[in-house]
Amino acid sequence: MSVTPIRLMGDPVLRTPAAPVADFDTELRQLVADLTETMFAAGGAGLAAPQIGVGLRVFTWYVDGEVGHLVNPDVVPVGEEEQIDAEGCLSIPGYRWDCRRHLHVVASGWNMHGDPVRIEGSELLARAIQHETDHLDGVLFVDRLDPDARAAALAELEAAEWAGMAAWLPAPPPVVKVSPH
């Protein structure tokens, strides 16, 4: 097991949908171990493989003293109830904003050995499952903020110490010039 550097907002891997896991082998078990150790070291409630630069559909969580992982998850909301609460992300360190999520979800997938798994989660576990599954789809939680909150968050993130050259900002549309020929 090893603690792996966490990719920060702006890294293209965080915006790229992850590929389904096909091989439930030693490498997958090592990935789950690395995700778990890195999540603990960073103090997170969850961590998805793209956050450590691996484009596979795997995430771990640590909520209410329970540690788990899910491979190739399929998440379905249960009921219509929603929750709005402060949410953060290890790939957007030091920032939290109120984010709307489903209050209850059911997630199905596999464990690292290829055995089927079904997780029912509410409140923080539901939030973590939805957040990490979003990472697997190339979605960051700031994308889920209401429009005014998202604009304010992006303005705040533009000045983030780790933002570098703000490569994570949406690119302006290309300028198309018509050739005179």
Protein backbone atom coordinates (compact mmCIF):
# COMPACT_ATOMS: atom_id res chain seq x y z
CA MET A 1 0.00 0.00 0.00
CA SER A 2 1.12 3.53 -0.65
CA VAL A 3 -0.14 7.04 -0.21
CA THR A 4 -0.49 8.50 -3.68
CA PRO A 5 -0.60 12.21 -4.60
CA ILE A 6 -4.14 13.46 -5.12
CA ARG A 7 -4.84 15.18 -8.43
CA LEU A 8 -6.20 18.71 -8.14
CA MET A 9 -8.93 20.44 -10.05
CA GLY A 10 -7.47 21.34 -13.43
CA ASP A 11 -5.97 17.91 -14.05
CA PRO A 12 -7.68 16.48 -17.17
CA VAL A 13 -8.03 13.03 -15.57
CA LEU A 14 -10.68 14.52 -13.25
CA ARG A 15 -12.81 15.51 -16.25
CA THR A 16 -12.42 12.23 -18.14
CA PRO A 17 -15.02 9.48 -17.62
CA ALA A 18 -13.35 6.42 -16.12
CA ALA A 19 -13.31 3.04 -17.84
CA PRO A 20 -15.09 0.04 -16.35
CA VAL A 21 -12.91 -2.44 -14.52
CA ALA A 22 -12.57 -5.67 -16.49
CA ASP A 23 -9.95 -7.56 -14.47
CA PHE A 24 -10.47 -8.31 -10.79
CA ASP A 25 -6.83 -9.08 -10.17
CA THR A 26 -3.91 -8.24 -7.91
CA GLU A 27 -3.53 -4.82 -9.53
CA LEU A 28 -7.13 -3.94 -8.66
CA ARG A 29 -6.64 -5.05 -5.06
CA GLN A 30 -3.50 -2.88 -4.90
CA LEU A 31 -5.46 0.07 -6.31
CA VAL A 32 -8.16 -0.35 -3.63
CA ALA A 33 -5.46 -0.53 -0.93
CA ASP A 34 -3.75 2.61 -2.30
CA LEU A 35 -7.07 4.48 -2.51
CA THR A 36 -7.93 3.52 1.07
CA GLU A 37 -4.55 4.49 2.48
CA THR A 38 -4.50 7.77 0.55
CA MET A 39 -8.07 8.57 1.66
CA PHE A 40 -7.13 8.00 5.32
CA ALA A 41 -3.92 10.04 5.01
CA ALA A 42 -5.86 12.94 3.48
CA GLY A 43 -8.71 12.74 5.99
CA GLY A 44 -11.41 12.24 3.37
CA ALA A 45 -14.80 10.53 3.42
CA GLY A 46 -14.13 9.02 0.01
CA LEU A 47 -11.67 8.85 -2.86
CA ALA A 48 -12.13 7.82 -6.49
CA ALA A 49 -9.45 6.27 -8.68
CA PRO A 50 -9.28 9.27 -11.08
CA GLN A 51 -8.29 11.42 -8.09
CA ILE A 52 -5.00 9.52 -7.97
CA GLY A 53 -4.63 9.50 -11.73
CA VAL A 54 -6.16 6.09 -12.48
CA GLY A 55 -8.99 6.15 -15.01
CA LEU A 56 -10.93 3.16 -13.64
CA ARG A 57 -14.41 2.98 -12.09
CA VAL A 58 -13.37 2.33 -8.47
CA PHE A 59 -13.87 4.32 -5.29
CA THR A 60 -13.45 3.93 -1.55
CA TRP A 61 -15.31 5.52 1.35
CA TYR A 62 -14.96 5.99 5.08
CA VAL A 63 -18.20 7.12 6.70
CA ASP A 64 -19.39 6.64 10.28
CA GLY A 65 -16.50 4.28 11.02
CA GLU A 66 -17.26 2.06 8.00
CA VAL A 67 -14.63 1.54 5.32
CA GLY A 68 -15.69 0.23 1.95
CA HIS A 69 -15.07 0.25 -1.76
CA LEU A 70 -17.11 -0.24 -4.88
CA VAL A 71 -16.08 -1.25 -8.39
CA ASN A 72 -18.15 -0.36 -11.47
CA PRO A 73 -20.90 1.28 -9.40
CA ASP A 74 -24.46 1.88 -10.48
CA VAL A 75 -26.21 4.37 -8.21
CA VAL A 76 -29.97 4.84 -8.00
CA PRO A 77 -31.71 7.44 -5.83
CA VAL A 78 -34.35 6.12 -3.44
CA GLY A 79 -37.32 8.43 -3.09
CA GLU A 80 -37.50 12.12 -3.83
CA GLU A 81 -35.98 13.50 -0.61
CA GLU A 82 -32.91 15.65 -1.00
CA GLN A 83 -30.30 17.08 1.32
CA ILE A 84 -28.37 20.32 1.08
CA ASP A 85 -25.18 20.44 3.07
CA ALA A 86 -21.61 21.66 2.91
CA GLU A 87 -19.53 19.47 0.64
CA GLY A 88 -15.82 19.48 -0.05
CA CYS A 89 -13.42 17.49 -2.17
CA LEU A 90 -9.85 16.30 -1.74
CA SER A 91 -9.22 17.51 -5.31
CA ILE A 92 -10.44 21.00 -4.37
CA PRO A 93 -8.63 21.35 -1.03
CA GLY A 94 -9.71 23.90 1.52
CA TYR A 95 -13.10 24.74 0.01
CA ARG A 96 -16.65 23.71 0.89
CA TRP A 97 -20.00 24.81 -0.51
CA ASP A 98 -23.60 23.75 0.02
CA CYS A 99 -24.45 21.08 -2.53
CA ARG A 100 -27.78 19.37 -3.20
CA ARG A 101 -27.75 15.55 -3.21
CA HIS A 102 -30.28 12.74 -2.88
CA LEU A 103 -30.85 11.83 0.76
CA HIS A 104 -31.02 8.06 0.11
CA VAL A 105 -29.33 5.95 -2.58
CA VAL A 106 -28.74 2.33 -3.45
CA ALA A 107 -25.44 1.50 -5.12
CA SER A 108 -24.64 -1.83 -6.69
CA GLY A 109 -21.40 -3.05 -8.18
CA TRP A 110 -18.60 -5.41 -7.22
CA ASN A 111 -15.91 -5.68 -4.60
CA MET A 112 -12.23 -6.05 -5.50
CA HIS A 113 -12.63 -9.83 -5.73
CA GLY A 114 -15.47 -9.66 -8.27
CA ASP A 115 -18.27 -10.47 -5.80
CA PRO A 116 -21.52 -8.52 -6.22
CA VAL A 117 -22.10 -5.76 -3.67
CA ARG A 118 -25.18 -3.69 -2.82
CA ILE A 119 -24.89 -0.65 -0.55
CA GLU A 120 -27.83 1.31 0.83
CA GLY A 121 -26.82 4.72 2.08
CA SER A 122 -28.44 7.75 3.62
CA GLU A 123 -27.21 11.20 4.52
CA LEU A 124 -23.37 11.30 4.58
CA LEU A 125 -22.91 7.84 3.03
CA ALA A 126 -25.38 8.72 0.26
CA ARG A 127 -23.50 11.99 -0.30
CA ALA A 128 -20.13 10.22 -0.44
CA ILE A 129 -21.39 7.56 -2.87
CA GLN A 130 -22.87 10.20 -5.19
CA HIS A 131 -19.77 12.42 -4.95
CA GLU A 132 -17.35 9.59 -5.75
CA THR A 133 -19.53 8.22 -8.55
CA ASP A 134 -19.55 11.72 -10.05
CA HIS A 135 -15.73 11.58 -10.10
CA LEU A 136 -15.96 8.38 -12.14
CA ASP A 137 -18.10 10.27 -14.66
CA GLY A 138 -15.72 13.26 -14.88
CA VAL A 139 -18.01 15.47 -12.78
CA LEU A 140 -16.85 17.65 -9.87
CA PHE A 141 -19.19 18.69 -7.08
CA VAL A 142 -18.87 22.37 -8.08
CA ASP A 143 -20.68 21.37 -11.29
CA ARG A 144 -23.71 20.49 -9.14
CA LEU A 145 -23.94 23.84 -7.34
CA ASP A 146 -26.81 26.14 -8.22
CA PRO A 147 -25.77 28.69 -10.87
CA ASP A 148 -25.12 31.62 -8.50
CA ALA A 149 -23.19 29.49 -6.01
CA ARG A 150 -21.20 27.90 -8.84
CA ALA A 151 -20.22 31.29 -10.25
CA ALA A 152 -19.13 32.46 -6.80
CA ALA A 153 -17.22 29.21 -6.19
CA LEU A 154 -15.39 29.43 -9.52
CA ALA A 155 -14.45 33.05 -8.82
CA GLU A 156 -13.10 32.02 -5.44
CA LEU A 157 -11.21 29.05 -6.92
CA GLU A 158 -9.60 31.22 -9.56
CA ALA A 159 -7.52 32.74 -6.75
CA ALA A 160 -6.71 29.40 -5.11
CA GLU A 161 -3.02 28.97 -4.33
CA TRP A 162 -2.98 25.58 -6.08
CA ALA A 163 -4.96 26.69 -9.14
CA GLY A 164 -1.77 27.43 -11.09
CA MET A 165 -2.60 28.91 -14.42
CA ALA A 166 -6.33 28.27 -13.93
CA ALA A 167 -6.24 25.50 -16.53
CA TRP A 168 -9.43 24.11 -14.99
CA LEU A 169 -11.50 27.09 -16.11
CA PRO A 170 -13.78 26.38 -19.05
CA ALA A 171 -11.96 27.20 -22.25
CA PRO A 172 -13.41 30.00 -24.33
CA PRO A 173 -14.83 28.88 -27.64
CA PRO A 174 -12.23 28.83 -30.40
CA VAL A 175 -12.12 31.74 -32.82
CA VAL A 176 -12.91 30.47 -36.29
CA LYS A 177 -11.51 32.50 -39.13
CA VAL A 178 -12.61 32.05 -42.67
CA SER A 179 -9.80 31.68 -45.17
CA PRO A 180 -9.86 34.23 -47.96
CA HIS A 181 -8.95 31.46 -50.43
